Amino acid sequence: MEAIKAIWEFVQNQLLGMKWLSDLIGNGLAAFGLDISNRWIGSIQFFVYDVIKISFLLCFLIFIISYIQSYFPPERSKKILGRFHGIGANSVAALLGTVTPFCSCSSIPLFIGFTSAGLPLGVTFSFLISSPMVDLGSLVLLMSIFGAKVAILYVIFGLIIAVIGGTVIEKLHVEKHVESFIFTAGSVDIESPELTKKDRLTYAKEQMLSTFKKVLPYILIGVGIGAMIHNWIPEEWVVSLLGRNNPFGVILATLIGIPMYADIFGTIPIAEALLFKGAQLGTVLSFMMGVTTLSLPSLIMLRKAVKPKLLALFIGICTLGIILVGYLFNALQSFIV
């Protein structure tokens, strides 16, 4: 058992967490006579390390996920979802969201396509919630920073929010609050040509490069903010706002995250720095969920497809679910960290 534990710690710290890279950068800066305990130098070390680590993991993960995704074009996804009914369909839609695009804005066109193709509204909303909140990439990156227990629970709770949210929307029969043009839009029934292995590898490479170019600015911004929090913001500030003594920390973090726009890869460095400074785990994860699921640009896009009452219902369900998950993580923090 000890041997297995030691192997897993090596995988988590050195392969996923790439701690060797942080040490290498620190030694390199020290070799130039720079003091890594200095705030400016420490910020540089944090920035370079996190940008390289996240970029490497991101490109690797996007390539793998895109290759998997090549087997699930919209029309095939629609056929898969059409075979299930009730909560089973919501669960499959939530799981399908884990192998689809990385941000909320890129998920909305698929949501519109699925809805126009005649899939139940609750099913398409389960997909819409799950797609930006949880994916295979987030699982691996969360494991590299927070550990396997936290990463797995994050994905499980995210899927639960997606399934419950879609189920509630379906039970309320709110189809009349979808804009009429959605139901008359073209469906996703077009057959895709069979792809060869070479085609799939080419597709995965193109998706990797395209997604990385789009995501890179958010990585740089997120890591920059994380470096500032990590080295410049006093620990007592973070603890007073997002620590154990503030019972409203989860609510505050969720509401702060909602207007922001980033994907999970740009949000993780901020979450890592906040946790290091003393913020509670659930509070940090609620912030991440709020940013990735309810970003302002995605809500503006979604408003084009649904009417205000349904948009408000979607925001309310997601916000309540995220807050409850945050408090649950805080309650379990001593057991899972």
C-alpha atoms as a PDB file:
ATOM      1  CA  MET A   1       0.000   0.000   0.000  1.00  0.00           C
ATOM      2  CA  GLU A   2       2.830   2.395   0.851  1.00  0.00           C
ATOM      3  CA  ALA A   3       4.451   1.688  -2.507  1.00  0.00           C
ATOM      4  CA  ILE A   4       1.210   2.483  -4.355  1.00  0.00           C
ATOM      5  CA  LYS A   5       0.832   5.684  -2.340  1.00  0.00           C
ATOM      6  CA  ALA A   6       4.421   6.708  -3.150  1.00  0.00           C
ATOM      7  CA  ILE A   7       3.879   6.025  -6.872  1.00  0.00           C
ATOM      8  CA  TRP A   8       0.657   8.046  -6.890  1.00  0.00           C
ATOM      9  CA  GLU A   9       2.308  10.967  -5.077  1.00  0.00           C
ATOM     10  CA  PHE A  10       5.072  10.912  -7.692  1.00  0.00           C
ATOM     11  CA  VAL A  11       2.500  10.945 -10.511  1.00  0.00           C
ATOM     12  CA  GLN A  12       0.517  13.757  -8.895  1.00  0.00           C
ATOM     13  CA  ASN A  13       3.448  15.951  -7.846  1.00  0.00           C
ATOM     14  CA  GLN A  14       6.059  15.331 -10.524  1.00  0.00           C
ATOM     15  CA  LEU A  15       4.111  14.279 -13.624  1.00  0.00           C
ATOM     16  CA  LEU A  16       0.820  16.170 -13.276  1.00  0.00           C
ATOM     17  CA  GLY A  17       1.963  18.912 -10.899  1.00  0.00           C
ATOM     18  CA  MET A  18       5.393  19.178 -12.562  1.00  0.00           C
ATOM     19  CA  LYS A  19       7.052  20.282  -9.316  1.00  0.00           C
ATOM     20  CA  TRP A  20      10.405  19.514 -10.905  1.00  0.00           C
ATOM     21  CA  LEU A  21       9.737  22.337 -13.353  1.00  0.00           C
ATOM     22  CA  SER A  22       9.172  24.829 -10.528  1.00  0.00           C
ATOM     23  CA  ASP A  23      12.445  23.741  -8.916  1.00  0.00           C
ATOM     24  CA  LEU A  24      14.247  23.957 -12.267  1.00  0.00           C
ATOM     25  CA  ILE A  25      13.012  27.503 -12.892  1.00  0.00           C
ATOM     26  CA  GLY A  26      13.877  28.507  -9.327  1.00  0.00           C
ATOM     27  CA  ASN A  27      17.392  27.084  -9.654  1.00  0.00           C
ATOM     28  CA  GLY A  28      17.797  28.821 -13.005  1.00  0.00           C
ATOM     29  CA  LEU A  29      16.820  32.196 -11.536  1.00  0.00           C
ATOM     30  CA  ALA A  30      19.131  31.603  -8.564  1.00  0.00           C
ATOM     31  CA  ALA A  31      21.983  30.748 -10.956  1.00  0.00           C
ATOM     32  CA  PHE A  32      21.662  34.275 -12.367  1.00  0.00           C
ATOM     33  CA  GLY A  33      22.100  35.653  -8.852  1.00  0.00           C
ATOM     34  CA  LEU A  34      18.398  36.420  -8.351  1.00  0.00           C
ATOM     35  CA  ASP A  35      16.784  35.980  -4.932  1.00  0.00           C
ATOM     36  CA  ILE A  36      13.656  33.828  -5.400  1.00  0.00           C
ATOM     37  CA  SER A  37      12.380  34.933  -1.972  1.00  0.00           C
ATOM     38  CA  ASN A  38      12.007  38.428  -3.442  1.00  0.00           C
ATOM     39  CA  ARG A  39       8.373  39.157  -4.355  1.00  0.00           C
ATOM     40  CA  TRP A  40       9.151  40.190  -7.922  1.00  0.00           C
ATOM     41  CA  ILE A  41      11.370  37.174  -8.573  1.00  0.00           C
ATOM     42  CA  GLY A  42       8.864  34.878  -6.867  1.00  0.00           C
ATOM     43  CA  SER A  43       6.143  36.262  -9.126  1.00  0.00           C
ATOM     44  CA  ILE A  44       8.284  35.584 -12.191  1.00  0.00           C
ATOM     45  CA  GLN A  45       8.924  32.010 -11.034  1.00  0.00           C
ATOM     46  CA  PHE A  46       5.197  31.428 -10.415  1.00  0.00           C
ATOM     47  CA  PHE A  47       4.229  32.966 -13.770  1.00  0.00           C
ATOM     48  CA  VAL A  48       6.746  31.063 -15.918  1.00  0.00           C
ATOM     49  CA  TYR A  49       6.123  27.767 -14.115  1.00  0.00           C
ATOM     50  CA  ASP A  50       2.320  27.923 -14.301  1.00  0.00           C
ATOM     51  CA  VAL A  51       2.213  29.119 -17.921  1.00  0.00           C
ATOM     52  CA  ILE A  52       4.500  26.284 -19.085  1.00  0.00           C
ATOM     53  CA  LYS A  53       2.742  23.649 -16.952  1.00  0.00           C
ATOM     54  CA  ILE A  54      -0.796  24.611 -17.933  1.00  0.00           C
ATOM     55  CA  SER A  55       0.121  25.080 -21.607  1.00  0.00           C
ATOM     56  CA  PHE A  56       1.769  21.660 -21.807  1.00  0.00           C
ATOM     57  CA  LEU A  57      -1.069  19.858 -20.030  1.00  0.00           C
ATOM     58  CA  LEU A  58      -3.650  21.829 -22.002  1.00  0.00           C
ATOM     59  CA  CYS A  59      -2.205  20.934 -25.410  1.00  0.00           C
ATOM     60  CA  PHE A  60      -1.865  17.280 -24.449  1.00  0.00           C
ATOM     61  CA  LEU A  61      -5.411  17.126 -23.071  1.00  0.00           C
ATOM     62  CA  ILE A  62      -7.013  19.011 -25.964  1.00  0.00           C
ATOM     63  CA  PHE A  63      -5.372  16.642 -28.423  1.00  0.00           C
ATOM     64  CA  ILE A  64      -6.659  13.556 -26.575  1.00  0.00           C
ATOM     65  CA  ILE A  65     -10.141  14.997 -25.976  1.00  0.00           C
ATOM     66  CA  SER A  66     -10.448  16.234 -29.565  1.00  0.00           C
ATOM     67  CA  TYR A  67      -9.533  12.791 -30.846  1.00  0.00           C
ATOM     68  CA  ILE A  68     -12.294  11.322 -28.675  1.00  0.00           C
ATOM     69  CA  GLN A  69     -14.614  14.108 -29.764  1.00  0.00           C
ATOM     70  CA  SER A  70     -14.134  13.160 -33.425  1.00  0.00           C
ATOM     71  CA  TYR A  71     -16.268  10.094 -32.687  1.00  0.00           C
ATOM     72  CA  PHE A  72     -19.113  12.291 -31.359  1.00  0.00           C
ATOM     73  CA  PRO A  73     -20.126  14.858 -34.008  1.00  0.00           C
ATOM     74  CA  PRO A  74     -23.409  16.709 -33.290  1.00  0.00           C
ATOM     75  CA  GLU A  75     -25.575  14.364 -35.340  1.00  0.00           C
ATOM     76  CA  ARG A  76     -24.184  11.278 -33.602  1.00  0.00           C
ATOM     77  CA  SER A  77     -24.561  12.939 -30.212  1.00  0.00           C
ATOM     78  CA  LYS A  78     -28.181  13.696 -31.044  1.00  0.00           C
ATOM     79  CA  LYS A  79     -28.810  10.053 -31.965  1.00  0.00           C
ATOM     80  CA  ILE A  80     -27.193   8.863 -28.727  1.00  0.00           C
ATOM     81  CA  LEU A  81     -29.261  11.251 -26.614  1.00  0.00           C
ATOM     82  CA  GLY A  82     -32.436  10.332 -28.507  1.00  0.00           C
ATOM     83  CA  ARG A  83     -32.208   6.748 -27.231  1.00  0.00           C
ATOM     84  CA  PHE A  84     -32.667   7.771 -23.593  1.00  0.00           C
ATOM     85  CA  HIS A  85     -35.540   9.293 -21.677  1.00  0.00           C
ATOM     86  CA  GLY A  86     -36.129  11.002 -18.345  1.00  0.00           C
ATOM     87  CA  ILE A  87     -33.277  11.358 -15.875  1.00  0.00           C
ATOM     88  CA  GLY A  88     -31.260   8.820 -17.884  1.00  0.00           C
ATOM     89  CA  ALA A  89     -31.231  11.215 -20.833  1.00  0.00           C
ATOM     90  CA  ASN A  90     -30.158  14.077 -18.571  1.00  0.00           C
ATOM     91  CA  SER A  91     -27.337  11.952 -17.161  1.00  0.00           C
ATOM     92  CA  VAL A  92     -26.088  10.947 -20.622  1.00  0.00           C
ATOM     93  CA  ALA A  93     -26.254  14.593 -21.772  1.00  0.00           C
ATOM     94  CA  ALA A  94     -24.219  15.690 -18.744  1.00  0.00           C
ATOM     95  CA  LEU A  95     -21.620  12.992 -19.422  1.00  0.00           C
ATOM     96  CA  LEU A  96     -21.531  13.953 -23.099  1.00  0.00           C
ATOM     97  CA  GLY A  97     -20.710  17.499 -22.004  1.00  0.00           C
ATOM     98  CA  THR A  98     -17.422  16.257 -20.574  1.00  0.00           C
ATOM     99  CA  VAL A  99     -16.034  15.600 -24.082  1.00  0.00           C
ATOM    100  CA  THR A 100     -17.189  18.835 -25.702  1.00  0.00           C
ATOM    101  CA  PRO A 101     -15.797  22.409 -25.948  1.00  0.00           C
ATOM    102  CA  PHE A 102     -14.053  24.066 -23.052  1.00  0.00           C
ATOM    103  CA  CYS A 103     -16.004  27.292 -22.480  1.00  0.00           C
ATOM    104  CA  SER A 104     -19.652  28.214 -22.039  1.00  0.00           C
ATOM    105  CA  CYS A 105     -19.788  30.368 -25.188  1.00  0.00           C
ATOM    106  CA  SER A 106     -18.669  27.527 -27.457  1.00  0.00           C
ATOM    107  CA  SER A 107     -21.287  25.190 -25.941  1.00  0.00           C
ATOM    108  CA  ILE A 108     -24.273  27.397 -26.754  1.00  0.00           C
ATOM    109  CA  PRO A 109     -24.308  26.737 -30.548  1.00  0.00           C
ATOM    110  CA  LEU A 110     -24.498  23.005 -29.821  1.00  0.00           C
ATOM    111  CA  PHE A 111     -27.255  23.653 -27.274  1.00  0.00           C
ATOM    112  CA  ILE A 112     -29.218  25.537 -29.944  1.00  0.00           C
ATOM    113  CA  GLY A 113     -28.607  22.761 -32.489  1.00  0.00           C
ATOM    114  CA  PHE A 114     -29.748  20.025 -30.107  1.00  0.00           C
ATOM    115  CA  THR A 115     -32.863  21.996 -29.112  1.00  0.00           C
ATOM    116  CA  SER A 116     -33.795  22.744 -32.728  1.00  0.00           C
ATOM    117  CA  ALA A 117     -33.332  19.033 -33.525  1.00  0.00           C
ATOM    118  CA  GLY A 118     -36.153  18.186 -31.135  1.00  0.00           C
ATOM    119  CA  LEU A 119     -34.291  16.940 -28.060  1.00  0.00           C
ATOM    120  CA  PRO A 120     -36.087  17.652 -24.753  1.00  0.00           C
ATOM    121  CA  LEU A 121     -35.222  21.041 -23.312  1.00  0.00           C
ATOM    122  CA  GLY A 122     -34.112  19.594 -19.971  1.00  0.00           C
ATOM    123  CA  VAL A 123     -31.665  17.285 -21.728  1.00  0.00           C
ATOM    124  CA  THR A 124     -30.097  20.126 -23.697  1.00  0.00           C
ATOM    125  CA  PHE A 125     -29.775  22.211 -20.519  1.00  0.00           C
ATOM    126  CA  SER A 126     -28.019  19.348 -18.722  1.00  0.00           C
ATOM    127  CA  PHE A 127     -25.530  19.382 -21.593  1.00  0.00           C
ATOM    128  CA  LEU A 128     -25.210  23.180 -21.456  1.00  0.00           C
ATOM    129  CA  ILE A 129     -24.435  23.169 -17.724  1.00  0.00           C
ATOM    130  CA  SER A 130     -22.010  20.254 -17.836  1.00  0.00           C
ATOM    131  CA  SER A 131     -20.010  21.207 -20.912  1.00  0.00           C
ATOM    132  CA  PRO A 132     -18.121  24.233 -19.537  1.00  0.00           C
ATOM    133  CA  MET A 133     -18.175  23.193 -15.882  1.00  0.00           C
ATOM    134  CA  VAL A 134     -16.658  19.708 -16.071  1.00  0.00           C
ATOM    135  CA  ASP A 135     -14.544  18.045 -18.725  1.00  0.00           C
ATOM    136  CA  LEU A 136     -11.749  15.517 -18.918  1.00  0.00           C
ATOM    137  CA  GLY A 137      -9.190  18.310 -19.081  1.00  0.00           C
ATOM    138  CA  SER A 138     -10.422  19.922 -15.879  1.00  0.00           C
ATOM    139  CA  LEU A 139     -10.233  16.552 -14.108  1.00  0.00           C
ATOM    140  CA  VAL A 140      -6.537  16.131 -14.906  1.00  0.00           C
ATOM    141  CA  LEU A 141      -5.600  19.749 -14.171  1.00  0.00           C
ATOM    142  CA  LEU A 142      -7.510  19.744 -10.889  1.00  0.00           C
ATOM    143  CA  MET A 143      -5.715  16.545  -9.926  1.00  0.00           C
ATOM    144  CA  SER A 144      -2.375  18.242 -10.608  1.00  0.00           C
ATOM    145  CA  ILE A 145      -3.146  21.006  -8.117  1.00  0.00           C
ATOM    146  CA  PHE A 146      -5.780  19.882  -5.623  1.00  0.00           C
ATOM    147  CA  GLY A 147      -5.333  16.112  -5.668  1.00  0.00           C
ATOM    148  CA  ALA A 148      -7.407  13.196  -6.943  1.00  0.00           C
ATOM    149  CA  LYS A 149     -10.142  13.306  -4.270  1.00  0.00           C
ATOM    150  CA  VAL A 150     -10.962  16.958  -4.883  1.00  0.00           C
ATOM    151  CA  ALA A 151     -10.828  16.577  -8.673  1.00  0.00           C
ATOM    152  CA  ILE A 152     -13.134  13.554  -8.740  1.00  0.00           C
ATOM    153  CA  LEU A 153     -15.620  15.131  -6.311  1.00  0.00           C
ATOM    154  CA  TYR A 154     -15.585  18.365  -8.337  1.00  0.00           C
ATOM    155  CA  VAL A 155     -16.549  16.455 -11.486  1.00  0.00           C
ATOM    156  CA  ILE A 156     -19.181  14.365  -9.670  1.00  0.00           C
ATOM    157  CA  PHE A 157     -20.822  17.407  -8.067  1.00  0.00           C
ATOM    158  CA  GLY A 158     -20.685  19.284 -11.367  1.00  0.00           C
ATOM    159  CA  LEU A 159     -22.474  16.419 -13.100  1.00  0.00           C
ATOM    160  CA  ILE A 160     -25.073  16.315 -10.307  1.00  0.00           C
ATOM    161  CA  ILE A 161     -25.787  20.039 -10.786  1.00  0.00           C
ATOM    162  CA  ALA A 162     -26.166  19.454 -14.528  1.00  0.00           C
ATOM    163  CA  VAL A 163     -28.509  16.485 -14.133  1.00  0.00           C
ATOM    164  CA  ILE A 164     -30.674  18.109 -11.445  1.00  0.00           C
ATOM    165  CA  GLY A 165     -30.744  21.440 -13.277  1.00  0.00           C
ATOM    166  CA  GLY A 166     -31.848  19.845 -16.544  1.00  0.00           C
ATOM    167  CA  THR A 167     -34.422  17.684 -14.761  1.00  0.00           C
ATOM    168  CA  VAL A 168     -35.969  20.678 -12.963  1.00  0.00           C
ATOM    169  CA  ILE A 169     -36.192  22.651 -16.209  1.00  0.00           C
ATOM    170  CA  GLU A 170     -37.808  19.688 -17.956  1.00  0.00           C
ATOM    171  CA  LYS A 171     -40.396  19.187 -15.175  1.00  0.00           C
ATOM    172  CA  LEU A 172     -41.390  22.872 -15.302  1.00  0.00           C
ATOM    173  CA  HIS A 173     -42.295  22.615 -19.034  1.00  0.00           C
ATOM    174  CA  VAL A 174     -40.830  25.984 -19.990  1.00  0.00           C
ATOM    175  CA  GLU A 175     -40.605  25.365 -23.755  1.00  0.00           C
ATOM    176  CA  LYS A 176     -42.723  28.493 -24.363  1.00  0.00           C
ATOM    177  CA  HIS A 177     -39.822  30.550 -23.003  1.00  0.00           C
ATOM    178  CA  VAL A 178     -37.501  29.432 -25.814  1.00  0.00           C
ATOM    179  CA  GLU A 179     -37.301  31.882 -28.718  1.00  0.00           C
ATOM    180  CA  SER A 180     -39.460  30.630 -31.588  1.00  0.00           C
ATOM    181  CA  PHE A 181     -36.695  30.726 -34.198  1.00  0.00           C
ATOM    182  CA  ILE A 182     -34.844  27.953 -32.307  1.00  0.00           C
ATOM    183  CA  PHE A 183     -37.512  25.392 -33.142  1.00  0.00           C
ATOM    184  CA  THR A 184     -37.462  26.334 -36.824  1.00  0.00           C
ATOM    185  CA  ALA A 185     -33.662  26.399 -37.159  1.00  0.00           C
ATOM    186  CA  GLY A 186     -31.843  23.717 -39.116  1.00  0.00           C
ATOM    187  CA  SER A 187     -31.286  20.487 -37.253  1.00  0.00           C
ATOM    188  CA  VAL A 188     -28.092  18.509 -36.809  1.00  0.00           C
ATOM    189  CA  ASP A 189     -29.184  15.487 -38.855  1.00  0.00           C
ATOM    190  CA  ILE A 190     -26.487  15.843 -41.515  1.00  0.00           C
ATOM    191  CA  GLU A 191     -24.480  12.658 -41.798  1.00  0.00           C
ATOM    192  CA  SER A 192     -20.761  12.982 -41.223  1.00  0.00           C
ATOM    193  CA  PRO A 193     -18.334  11.141 -43.478  1.00  0.00           C
ATOM    194  CA  GLU A 194     -16.395   8.313 -41.920  1.00  0.00           C
ATOM    195  CA  LEU A 195     -13.031   9.557 -40.733  1.00  0.00           C
ATOM    196  CA  THR A 196      -9.824   7.578 -40.998  1.00  0.00           C
ATOM    197  CA  LYS A 197      -7.372   7.411 -38.129  1.00  0.00           C
ATOM    198  CA  LYS A 198      -5.176   9.915 -39.959  1.00  0.00           C
ATOM    199  CA  ASP A 199      -8.163  12.257 -40.368  1.00  0.00           C
ATOM    200  CA  ARG A 200      -8.900  12.049 -36.655  1.00  0.00           C
ATOM    201  CA  LEU A 201      -5.268  12.781 -35.743  1.00  0.00           C
ATOM    202  CA  THR A 202      -5.270  15.764 -38.110  1.00  0.00           C
ATOM    203  CA  TYR A 203      -8.552  16.986 -36.608  1.00  0.00           C
ATOM    204  CA  ALA A 204      -7.166  16.617 -33.081  1.00  0.00           C
ATOM    205  CA  LYS A 205      -4.028  18.572 -34.014  1.00  0.00           C
ATOM    206  CA  GLU A 206      -6.045  21.374 -35.625  1.00  0.00           C
ATOM    207  CA  GLN A 207      -8.383  21.565 -32.632  1.00  0.00           C
ATOM    208  CA  MET A 208      -5.410  21.648 -30.261  1.00  0.00           C
ATOM    209  CA  LEU A 209      -3.751  24.545 -32.086  1.00  0.00           C
ATOM    210  CA  SER A 210      -6.996  26.461 -32.584  1.00  0.00           C
ATOM    211  CA  THR A 211      -8.153  26.059 -28.969  1.00  0.00           C
ATOM    212  CA  PHE A 212      -4.731  26.848 -27.535  1.00  0.00           C
ATOM    213  CA  LYS A 213      -4.572  30.116 -29.502  1.00  0.00           C
ATOM    214  CA  LYS A 214      -7.996  31.107 -28.165  1.00  0.00           C
ATOM    215  CA  VAL A 215      -7.259  30.064 -24.592  1.00  0.00           C
ATOM    216  CA  LEU A 216      -3.688  31.391 -24.275  1.00  0.00           C
ATOM    217  CA  PRO A 217      -4.690  35.012 -23.467  1.00  0.00           C
ATOM    218  CA  TYR A 218      -6.866  33.766 -20.599  1.00  0.00           C
ATOM    219  CA  ILE A 219      -4.064  31.548 -19.326  1.00  0.00           C
ATOM    220  CA  LEU A 220      -1.673  34.515 -19.300  1.00  0.00           C
ATOM    221  CA  ILE A 221      -4.225  36.747 -17.567  1.00  0.00           C
ATOM    222  CA  GLY A 222      -5.223  34.042 -15.089  1.00  0.00           C
ATOM    223  CA  VAL A 223      -1.632  33.147 -14.213  1.00  0.00           C
ATOM    224  CA  GLY A 224      -0.768  36.852 -13.929  1.00  0.00           C
ATOM    225  CA  ILE A 225      -3.598  37.384 -11.446  1.00  0.00           C
ATOM    226  CA  GLY A 226      -2.580  34.202  -9.635  1.00  0.00           C
ATOM    227  CA  ALA A 227       1.036  35.414  -9.364  1.00  0.00           C
ATOM    228  CA  MET A 228      -0.164  38.725  -7.943  1.00  0.00           C
ATOM    229  CA  ILE A 229      -2.373  37.011  -5.352  1.00  0.00           C
ATOM    230  CA  HIS A 230       0.352  34.490  -4.543  1.00  0.00           C
ATOM    231  CA  ASN A 231       3.100  37.021  -3.893  1.00  0.00           C
ATOM    232  CA  TRP A 232       1.521  40.430  -3.268  1.00  0.00           C
ATOM    233  CA  ILE A 233      -1.887  40.185  -1.579  1.00  0.00           C
ATOM    234  CA  PRO A 234      -1.592  39.745   2.211  1.00  0.00           C
ATOM    235  CA  GLU A 235      -2.811  36.406   3.478  1.00  0.00           C
ATOM    236  CA  GLU A 236      -5.035  38.010   6.109  1.00  0.00           C
ATOM    237  CA  TRP A 237      -7.021  39.808   3.387  1.00  0.00           C
ATOM    238  CA  VAL A 238      -7.865  36.561   1.621  1.00  0.00           C
ATOM    239  CA  VAL A 239      -8.636  34.779   4.894  1.00  0.00           C
ATOM    240  CA  SER A 240     -10.948  37.567   6.082  1.00  0.00           C
ATOM    241  CA  LEU A 241     -12.945  37.531   2.831  1.00  0.00           C
ATOM    242  CA  LEU A 242     -12.851  33.891   1.755  1.00  0.00           C
ATOM    243  CA  GLY A 243     -11.682  32.026   4.850  1.00  0.00           C
ATOM    244  CA  ARG A 244     -13.463  30.002   7.492  1.00  0.00           C
ATOM    245  CA  ASN A 245     -14.537  33.018   9.540  1.00  0.00           C
ATOM    246  CA  ASN A 246     -16.675  34.483   6.759  1.00  0.00           C
ATOM    247  CA  PRO A 247     -19.879  32.398   6.439  1.00  0.00           C
ATOM    248  CA  PHE A 248     -20.758  34.269   3.244  1.00  0.00           C
ATOM    249  CA  GLY A 249     -17.441  33.536   1.505  1.00  0.00           C
ATOM    250  CA  VAL A 250     -18.941  30.949  -0.866  1.00  0.00           C
ATOM    251  CA  ILE A 251     -21.748  33.299  -1.915  1.00  0.00           C
ATOM    252  CA  LEU A 252     -19.277  36.166  -2.387  1.00  0.00           C
ATOM    253  CA  ALA A 253     -16.886  34.052  -4.484  1.00  0.00           C
ATOM    254  CA  THR A 254     -19.729  32.762  -6.676  1.00  0.00           C
ATOM    255  CA  LEU A 255     -21.127  36.235  -7.317  1.00  0.00           C
ATOM    256  CA  ILE A 256     -17.639  37.607  -8.078  1.00  0.00           C
ATOM    257  CA  GLY A 257     -17.032  34.781 -10.554  1.00  0.00           C
ATOM    258  CA  ILE A 258     -20.268  35.135 -12.530  1.00  0.00           C
ATOM    259  CA  PRO A 259     -19.480  38.407 -14.410  1.00  0.00           C
ATOM    260  CA  MET A 260     -15.990  37.215 -15.344  1.00  0.00           C
ATOM    261  CA  TYR A 261     -15.137  35.369 -18.545  1.00  0.00           C
ATOM    262  CA  ALA A 262     -12.504  32.643 -18.645  1.00  0.00           C
ATOM    263  CA  ASP A 263     -12.350  28.932 -19.114  1.00  0.00           C
ATOM    264  CA  ILE A 264     -11.234  26.534 -16.433  1.00  0.00           C
ATOM    265  CA  PHE A 265      -7.605  26.664 -17.607  1.00  0.00           C
ATOM    266  CA  GLY A 266      -7.390  30.399 -16.951  1.00  0.00           C
ATOM    267  CA  THR A 267      -9.280  30.119 -13.664  1.00  0.00           C
ATOM    268  CA  ILE A 268      -7.250  27.350 -12.014  1.00  0.00           C
ATOM    269  CA  PRO A 269      -4.116  29.510 -11.371  1.00  0.00           C
ATOM    270  CA  ILE A 270      -6.277  32.074  -9.544  1.00  0.00           C
ATOM    271  CA  ALA A 271      -7.938  29.312  -7.511  1.00  0.00           C
ATOM    272  CA  GLU A 272      -4.540  27.794  -6.693  1.00  0.00           C
ATOM    273  CA  ALA A 273      -3.219  31.118  -5.402  1.00  0.00           C
ATOM    274  CA  LEU A 274      -6.370  31.838  -3.362  1.00  0.00           C
ATOM    275  CA  LEU A 275      -6.178  28.408  -1.717  1.00  0.00           C
ATOM    276  CA  PHE A 276      -2.487  28.932  -0.928  1.00  0.00           C
ATOM    277  CA  LYS A 277      -3.373  32.219   0.762  1.00  0.00           C
ATOM    278  CA  GLY A 278      -5.953  30.653   3.048  1.00  0.00           C
ATOM    279  CA  ALA A 279      -9.250  30.661   1.169  1.00  0.00           C
ATOM    280  CA  GLN A 280     -11.457  27.658   1.864  1.00  0.00           C
ATOM    281  CA  LEU A 281     -11.555  24.882  -0.712  1.00  0.00           C
ATOM    282  CA  GLY A 282     -15.297  25.074  -1.382  1.00  0.00           C
ATOM    283  CA  THR A 283     -15.137  28.836  -1.719  1.00  0.00           C
ATOM    284  CA  VAL A 284     -12.392  28.564  -4.331  1.00  0.00           C
ATOM    285  CA  LEU A 285     -14.207  25.844  -6.285  1.00  0.00           C
ATOM    286  CA  SER A 286     -17.451  27.862  -6.235  1.00  0.00           C
ATOM    287  CA  PHE A 287     -15.525  30.743  -7.763  1.00  0.00           C
ATOM    288  CA  MET A 288     -14.253  28.430 -10.504  1.00  0.00           C
ATOM    289  CA  MET A 289     -17.720  27.035 -11.234  1.00  0.00           C
ATOM    290  CA  GLY A 290     -19.229  30.536 -11.347  1.00  0.00           C
ATOM    291  CA  VAL A 291     -16.619  31.781 -13.812  1.00  0.00           C
ATOM    292  CA  THR A 292     -16.815  28.803 -16.157  1.00  0.00           C
ATOM    293  CA  THR A 293     -20.582  28.187 -16.124  1.00  0.00           C
ATOM    294  CA  LEU A 294     -22.186  31.629 -15.803  1.00  0.00           C
ATOM    295  CA  SER A 295     -19.840  34.016 -17.573  1.00  0.00           C
ATOM    296  CA  LEU A 296     -21.479  37.258 -18.726  1.00  0.00           C
ATOM    297  CA  PRO A 297     -20.688  36.783 -22.471  1.00  0.00           C
ATOM    298  CA  SER A 298     -22.272  33.315 -22.468  1.00  0.00           C
ATOM    299  CA  LEU A 299     -25.391  34.631 -20.722  1.00  0.00           C
ATOM    300  CA  ILE A 300     -25.703  37.352 -23.353  1.00  0.00           C
ATOM    301  CA  MET A 301     -25.434  34.708 -26.086  1.00  0.00           C
ATOM    302  CA  LEU A 302     -27.952  32.463 -24.330  1.00  0.00           C
ATOM    303  CA  ARG A 303     -30.413  35.358 -24.063  1.00  0.00           C
ATOM    304  CA  LYS A 304     -30.622  35.335 -27.863  1.00  0.00           C
ATOM    305  CA  ALA A 305     -31.979  31.784 -27.676  1.00  0.00           C
ATOM    306  CA  VAL A 306     -34.204  31.893 -24.574  1.00  0.00           C
ATOM    307  CA  LYS A 307     -36.532  34.448 -23.016  1.00  0.00           C
ATOM    308  CA  PRO A 308     -35.720  36.316 -19.771  1.00  0.00           C
ATOM    309  CA  LYS A 309     -37.747  34.015 -17.471  1.00  0.00           C
ATOM    310  CA  LEU A 310     -35.950  30.883 -18.666  1.00  0.00           C
ATOM    311  CA  LEU A 311     -32.583  32.658 -18.545  1.00  0.00           C
ATOM    312  CA  ALA A 312     -33.297  33.724 -14.950  1.00  0.00           C
ATOM    313  CA  LEU A 313     -34.318  30.146 -14.078  1.00  0.00           C
ATOM    314  CA  PHE A 314     -31.076  28.802 -15.580  1.00  0.00           C
ATOM    315  CA  ILE A 315     -28.967  31.340 -13.666  1.00  0.00           C
ATOM    316  CA  GLY A 316     -30.852  30.668 -10.430  1.00  0.00           C
ATOM    317  CA  ILE A 317     -30.522  26.870 -10.633  1.00  0.00           C
ATOM    318  CA  CYS A 318     -26.801  27.022 -11.459  1.00  0.00           C
ATOM    319  CA  THR A 319     -26.053  29.655  -8.806  1.00  0.00           C
ATOM    320  CA  LEU A 320     -27.912  27.753  -6.086  1.00  0.00           C
ATOM    321  CA  GLY A 321     -26.226  24.484  -7.065  1.00  0.00           C
ATOM    322  CA  ILE A 322     -22.764  26.066  -7.104  1.00  0.00           C
ATOM    323  CA  ILE A 323     -23.273  27.678  -3.697  1.00  0.00           C
ATOM    324  CA  LEU A 324     -24.529  24.428  -2.140  1.00  0.00           C
ATOM    325  CA  VAL A 325     -21.572  22.521  -3.577  1.00  0.00           C
ATOM    326  CA  GLY A 326     -19.208  25.168  -2.209  1.00  0.00           C
ATOM    327  CA  TYR A 327     -20.549  24.832   1.323  1.00  0.00           C
ATOM    328  CA  LEU A 328     -20.462  21.035   1.024  1.00  0.00           C
ATOM    329  CA  PHE A 329     -16.797  21.126  -0.026  1.00  0.00           C
ATOM    330  CA  ASN A 330     -16.006  23.439   2.898  1.00  0.00           C
ATOM    331  CA  ALA A 331     -17.682  20.997   5.281  1.00  0.00           C
ATOM    332  CA  LEU A 332     -15.684  18.090   3.839  1.00  0.00           C
ATOM    333  CA  GLN A 333     -12.359  19.948   3.458  1.00  0.00           C
ATOM    334  CA  SER A 334     -10.675  18.353   6.484  1.00  0.00           C
ATOM    335  CA  PHE A 335     -11.519  14.873   5.137  1.00  0.00           C
ATOM    336  CA  ILE A 336     -10.471  15.290   1.507  1.00  0.00           C
ATOM    337  CA  VAL A 337      -7.398  17.531   1.635  1.00  0.00           C
END
